[in-house]
Amino acid sequence: MSTETQADKFKALARELECDESEEAFDDALKRVATAPPPHEKGQQAETDD
């Protein structure tokens, strides 16, 4: 049985995949996925890409 913890396995895999631990890289990635569209005015329907 291995004495390596789940956290240790995760860290090793992250290193193998060359994950970036910098706060700047995290903030850049977060901005790409967490941008919200502007709120719609009351009474108007949201536009769709039909």
PDB file of N, CA and C in Angstrom:
ATOM      1  N   MET A   1       0.851  -1.184   0.000  1.00  0.00           N
ATOM      2  CA  MET A   1       0.000   0.000   0.000  1.00  0.00           C
ATOM      3  C   MET A   1       0.889   1.238   0.000  1.00  0.00           C
ATOM      4  N   SER A   2       0.495   2.229  -0.764  1.00  0.00           N
ATOM      5  CA  SER A   2       1.272   3.450  -0.892  1.00  0.00           C
ATOM      6  C   SER A   2       0.989   4.391   0.280  1.00  0.00           C
ATOM      7  N   THR A   3       2.036   5.067   0.747  1.00  0.00           N
ATOM      8  CA  THR A   3       1.865   6.032   1.832  1.00  0.00           C
ATOM      9  C   THR A   3       1.631   7.440   1.286  1.00  0.00           C
ATOM     10  N   GLU A   4       1.624   7.571  -0.037  1.00  0.00           N
ATOM     11  CA  GLU A   4       1.405   8.870  -0.660  1.00  0.00           C
ATOM     12  C   GLU A   4      -0.074   9.265  -0.502  1.00  0.00           C
ATOM     13  N   THR A   5      -0.309  10.482  -0.018  1.00  0.00           N
ATOM     14  CA  THR A   5      -1.684  10.927   0.196  1.00  0.00           C
ATOM     15  C   THR A   5      -2.308  11.374  -1.127  1.00  0.00           C
ATOM     16  N   GLN A   6      -3.619  11.526  -1.109  1.00  0.00           N
ATOM     17  CA  GLN A   6      -4.328  12.007  -2.291  1.00  0.00           C
ATOM     18  C   GLN A   6      -3.816  13.390  -2.700  1.00  0.00           C
ATOM     19  N   ALA A   7      -3.550  14.242  -1.718  1.00  0.00           N
ATOM     20  CA  ALA A   7      -3.032  15.583  -2.002  1.00  0.00           C
ATOM     21  C   ALA A   7      -1.660  15.499  -2.679  1.00  0.00           C
ATOM     22  N   ASP A   8      -0.812  14.592  -2.214  1.00  0.00           N
ATOM     23  CA  ASP A   8       0.507  14.421  -2.825  1.00  0.00           C
ATOM     24  C   ASP A   8       0.380  13.946  -4.275  1.00  0.00           C
ATOM     25  N   LYS A   9      -0.554  13.033  -4.525  1.00  0.00           N
ATOM     26  CA  LYS A   9      -0.781  12.547  -5.884  1.00  0.00           C
ATOM     27  C   LYS A   9      -1.265  13.683  -6.780  1.00  0.00           C
ATOM     28  N   PHE A  10      -2.151  14.511  -6.255  1.00  0.00           N
ATOM     29  CA  PHE A  10      -2.664  15.658  -7.009  1.00  0.00           C
ATOM     30  C   PHE A  10      -1.536  16.621  -7.357  1.00  0.00           C
ATOM     31  N   LYS A  11      -0.697  16.937  -6.385  1.00  0.00           N
ATOM     32  CA  LYS A  11       0.418  17.864  -6.616  1.00  0.00           C
ATOM     33  C   LYS A  11       1.387  17.309  -7.652  1.00  0.00           C
ATOM     34  N   ALA A  12       1.675  16.012  -7.568  1.00  0.00           N
ATOM     35  CA  ALA A  12       2.594  15.388  -8.520  1.00  0.00           C
ATOM     36  C   ALA A  12       2.020  15.450  -9.936  1.00  0.00           C
ATOM     37  N   LEU A  13       0.737  15.178 -10.084  1.00  0.00           N
ATOM     38  CA  LEU A  13       0.104  15.234 -11.395  1.00  0.00           C
ATOM     39  C   LEU A  13       0.080  16.664 -11.929  1.00  0.00           C
ATOM     40  N   ALA A  14      -0.187  17.632 -11.055  1.00  0.00           N
ATOM     41  CA  ALA A  14      -0.194  19.039 -11.475  1.00  0.00           C
ATOM     42  C   ALA A  14       1.192  19.446 -11.976  1.00  0.00           C
ATOM     43  N   ARG A  15       2.226  18.999 -11.312  1.00  0.00           N
ATOM     44  CA  ARG A  15       3.597  19.302 -11.758  1.00  0.00           C
ATOM     45  C   ARG A  15       3.883  18.641 -13.100  1.00  0.00           C
ATOM     46  N   GLU A  16       3.433  17.391 -13.244  1.00  0.00           N
ATOM     47  CA  GLU A  16       3.645  16.662 -14.492  1.00  0.00           C
ATOM     48  C   GLU A  16       2.958  17.367 -15.663  1.00  0.00           C
ATOM     49  N   LEU A  17       1.789  17.938 -15.405  1.00  0.00           N
ATOM     50  CA  LEU A  17       1.042  18.645 -16.438  1.00  0.00           C
ATOM     51  C   LEU A  17       1.487  20.091 -16.604  1.00  0.00           C
ATOM     52  N   GLU A  18       2.510  20.489 -15.841  1.00  0.00           N
ATOM     53  CA  GLU A  18       3.088  21.830 -15.889  1.00  0.00           C
ATOM     54  C   GLU A  18       2.054  22.914 -15.598  1.00  0.00           C
ATOM     55  N   CYS A  19       1.257  22.691 -14.573  1.00  0.00           N
ATOM     56  CA  CYS A  19       0.265  23.683 -14.147  1.00  0.00           C
ATOM     57  C   CYS A  19       0.971  24.906 -13.584  1.00  0.00           C
ATOM     58  N   ASP A  20       0.381  26.060 -13.788  1.00  0.00           N
ATOM     59  CA  ASP A  20       0.952  27.322 -13.336  1.00  0.00           C
ATOM     60  C   ASP A  20       0.314  27.711 -12.011  1.00  0.00           C
ATOM     61  N   GLU A  21       1.126  27.973 -11.003  1.00  0.00           N
ATOM     62  CA  GLU A  21       0.621  28.315  -9.676  1.00  0.00           C
ATOM     63  C   GLU A  21       0.580  29.818  -9.406  1.00  0.00           C
ATOM     64  N   SER A  22       0.920  30.643 -10.393  1.00  0.00           N
ATOM     65  CA  SER A  22       0.983  32.076 -10.140  1.00  0.00           C
ATOM     66  C   SER A  22      -0.409  32.682 -10.032  1.00  0.00           C
ATOM     67  N   GLU A  23      -0.534  33.681  -9.196  1.00  0.00           N
ATOM     68  CA  GLU A  23      -1.811  34.363  -9.003  1.00  0.00           C
ATOM     69  C   GLU A  23      -2.217  35.100 -10.284  1.00  0.00           C
ATOM     70  N   GLU A  24      -1.242  35.647 -10.994  1.00  0.00           N
ATOM     71  CA  GLU A  24      -1.531  36.370 -12.229  1.00  0.00           C
ATOM     72  C   GLU A  24      -2.155  35.438 -13.274  1.00  0.00           C
ATOM     73  N   ALA A  25      -1.604  34.251 -13.427  1.00  0.00           N
ATOM     74  CA  ALA A  25      -2.149  33.292 -14.388  1.00  0.00           C
ATOM     75  C   ALA A  25      -3.558  32.871 -13.984  1.00  0.00           C
ATOM     76  N   PHE A  26      -3.791  32.692 -12.697  1.00  0.00           N
ATOM     77  CA  PHE A  26      -5.124  32.346 -12.206  1.00  0.00           C
ATOM     78  C   PHE A  26      -6.118  33.456 -12.522  1.00  0.00           C
ATOM     79  N   ASP A  27      -5.738  34.706 -12.243  1.00  0.00           N
ATOM     80  CA  ASP A  27      -6.626  35.834 -12.499  1.00  0.00           C
ATOM     81  C   ASP A  27      -6.964  35.952 -13.984  1.00  0.00           C
ATOM     82  N   ASP A  28      -5.974  35.744 -14.862  1.00  0.00           N
ATOM     83  CA  ASP A  28      -6.220  35.805 -16.299  1.00  0.00           C
ATOM     84  C   ASP A  28      -7.203  34.715 -16.729  1.00  0.00           C
ATOM     85  N   ALA A  29      -7.012  33.501 -16.233  1.00  0.00           N
ATOM     86  CA  ALA A  29      -7.914  32.403 -16.576  1.00  0.00           C
ATOM     87  C   ALA A  29      -9.306  32.645 -16.031  1.00  0.00           C
ATOM     88  N   LEU A  30      -9.397  33.179 -14.833  1.00  0.00           N
ATOM     89  CA  LEU A  30     -10.689  33.457 -14.224  1.00  0.00           C
ATOM     90  C   LEU A  30     -11.461  34.497 -15.032  1.00  0.00           C
ATOM     91  N   LYS A  31     -10.772  35.520 -15.497  1.00  0.00           N
ATOM     92  CA  LYS A  31     -11.428  36.556 -16.299  1.00  0.00           C
ATOM     93  C   LYS A  31     -11.980  35.986 -17.603  1.00  0.00           C
ATOM     94  N   ARG A  32     -11.310  34.992 -18.169  1.00  0.00           N
ATOM     95  CA  ARG A  32     -11.788  34.402 -19.425  1.00  0.00           C
ATOM     96  C   ARG A  32     -13.067  33.586 -19.217  1.00  0.00           C
ATOM     97  N   VAL A  33     -13.198  32.921 -18.080  1.00  0.00           N
ATOM     98  CA  VAL A  33     -14.355  32.049 -17.879  1.00  0.00           C
ATOM     99  C   VAL A  33     -15.455  32.681 -17.055  1.00  0.00           C
ATOM    100  N   ALA A  34     -15.172  33.745 -16.352  1.00  0.00           N
ATOM    101  CA  ALA A  34     -16.157  34.305 -15.429  1.00  0.00           C
ATOM    102  C   ALA A  34     -16.702  35.657 -15.867  1.00  0.00           C
ATOM    103  N   THR A  35     -16.674  35.916 -17.153  1.00  0.00           N
ATOM    104  CA  THR A  35     -17.241  37.180 -17.611  1.00  0.00           C
ATOM    105  C   THR A  35     -18.746  37.016 -17.766  1.00  0.00           C
ATOM    106  N   ALA A  36     -19.480  37.914 -17.198  1.00  0.00           N
ATOM    107  CA  ALA A  36     -20.938  37.858 -17.249  1.00  0.00           C
ATOM    108  C   ALA A  36     -21.448  38.885 -18.244  1.00  0.00           C
ATOM    109  N   PRO A  37     -22.494  38.533 -18.987  1.00  0.00           N
ATOM    110  CA  PRO A  37     -23.061  39.519 -19.905  1.00  0.00           C
ATOM    111  C   PRO A  37     -23.748  40.619 -19.118  1.00  0.00           C
ATOM    112  N   PRO A  38     -23.906  41.789 -19.719  1.00  0.00           N
ATOM    113  CA  PRO A  38     -24.580  42.876 -19.000  1.00  0.00           C
ATOM    114  C   PRO A  38     -26.022  42.493 -18.695  1.00  0.00           C
ATOM    115  N   PRO A  39     -26.569  42.975 -17.605  1.00  0.00           N
ATOM    116  CA  PRO A  39     -27.956  42.647 -17.268  1.00  0.00           C
ATOM    117  C   PRO A  39     -28.918  43.235 -18.298  1.00  0.00           C
ATOM    118  N   HIS A  40     -30.015  42.524 -18.507  1.00  0.00           N
ATOM    119  CA  HIS A  40     -31.035  42.977 -19.448  1.00  0.00           C
ATOM    120  C   HIS A  40     -31.951  43.979 -18.765  1.00  0.00           C
ATOM    121  N   GLU A  41     -32.446  44.913 -19.557  1.00  0.00           N
ATOM    122  CA  GLU A  41     -33.393  45.876 -18.997  1.00  0.00           C
ATOM    123  C   GLU A  41     -34.713  45.164 -18.726  1.00  0.00           C
ATOM    124  N   LYS A  42     -35.418  45.636 -17.751  1.00  0.00           N
ATOM    125  CA  LYS A  42     -36.687  45.034 -17.357  1.00  0.00           C
ATOM    126  C   LYS A  42     -37.669  45.084 -18.534  1.00  0.00           C
ATOM    127  N   GLY A  43     -38.300  43.939 -18.796  1.00  0.00           N
ATOM    128  CA  GLY A  43     -39.290  43.866 -19.856  1.00  0.00           C
ATOM    129  C   GLY A  43     -38.732  43.438 -21.198  1.00  0.00           C
ATOM    130  N   GLN A  44     -37.423  43.331 -21.337  1.00  0.00           N
ATOM    131  CA  GLN A  44     -36.835  42.885 -22.597  1.00  0.00           C
ATOM    132  C   GLN A  44     -36.385  41.436 -22.459  1.00  0.00           C
ATOM    133  N   GLN A  45     -36.493  40.686 -23.543  1.00  0.00           N
ATOM    134  CA  GLN A  45     -36.054  39.304 -23.540  1.00  0.00           C
ATOM    135  C   GLN A  45     -34.586  39.237 -23.922  1.00  0.00           C
ATOM    136  N   ALA A  46     -33.937  38.185 -23.483  1.00  0.00           N
ATOM    137  CA  ALA A  46     -32.542  37.972 -23.818  1.00  0.00           C
ATOM    138  C   ALA A  46     -32.429  37.579 -25.288  1.00  0.00           C
ATOM    139  N   GLU A  47     -31.370  38.032 -25.952  1.00  0.00           N
ATOM    140  CA  GLU A  47     -31.137  37.666 -27.351  1.00  0.00           C
ATOM    141  C   GLU A  47     -30.644  36.234 -27.401  1.00  0.00           C
ATOM    142  N   THR A  48     -31.031  35.514 -28.442  1.00  0.00           N
ATOM    143  CA  THR A  48     -30.578  34.142 -28.616  1.00  0.00           C
ATOM    144  C   THR A  48     -29.823  34.026 -29.925  1.00  0.00           C
ATOM    145  N   ASP A  49     -28.977  33.015 -30.010  1.00  0.00           N
ATOM    146  CA  ASP A  49     -28.186  32.765 -31.217  1.00  0.00           C
ATOM    147  C   ASP A  49     -28.838  31.688 -32.056  1.00  0.00           C
ATOM    148  N   ASP A  50     -30.074  31.855 -32.450  1.00  0.00           N
ATOM    149  CA  ASP A  50     -30.794  30.843 -33.249  1.00  0.00           C
ATOM    150  C   ASP A  50     -30.362  30.873 -34.676  1.00  0.00           C
TER     151      ASP A  50
END
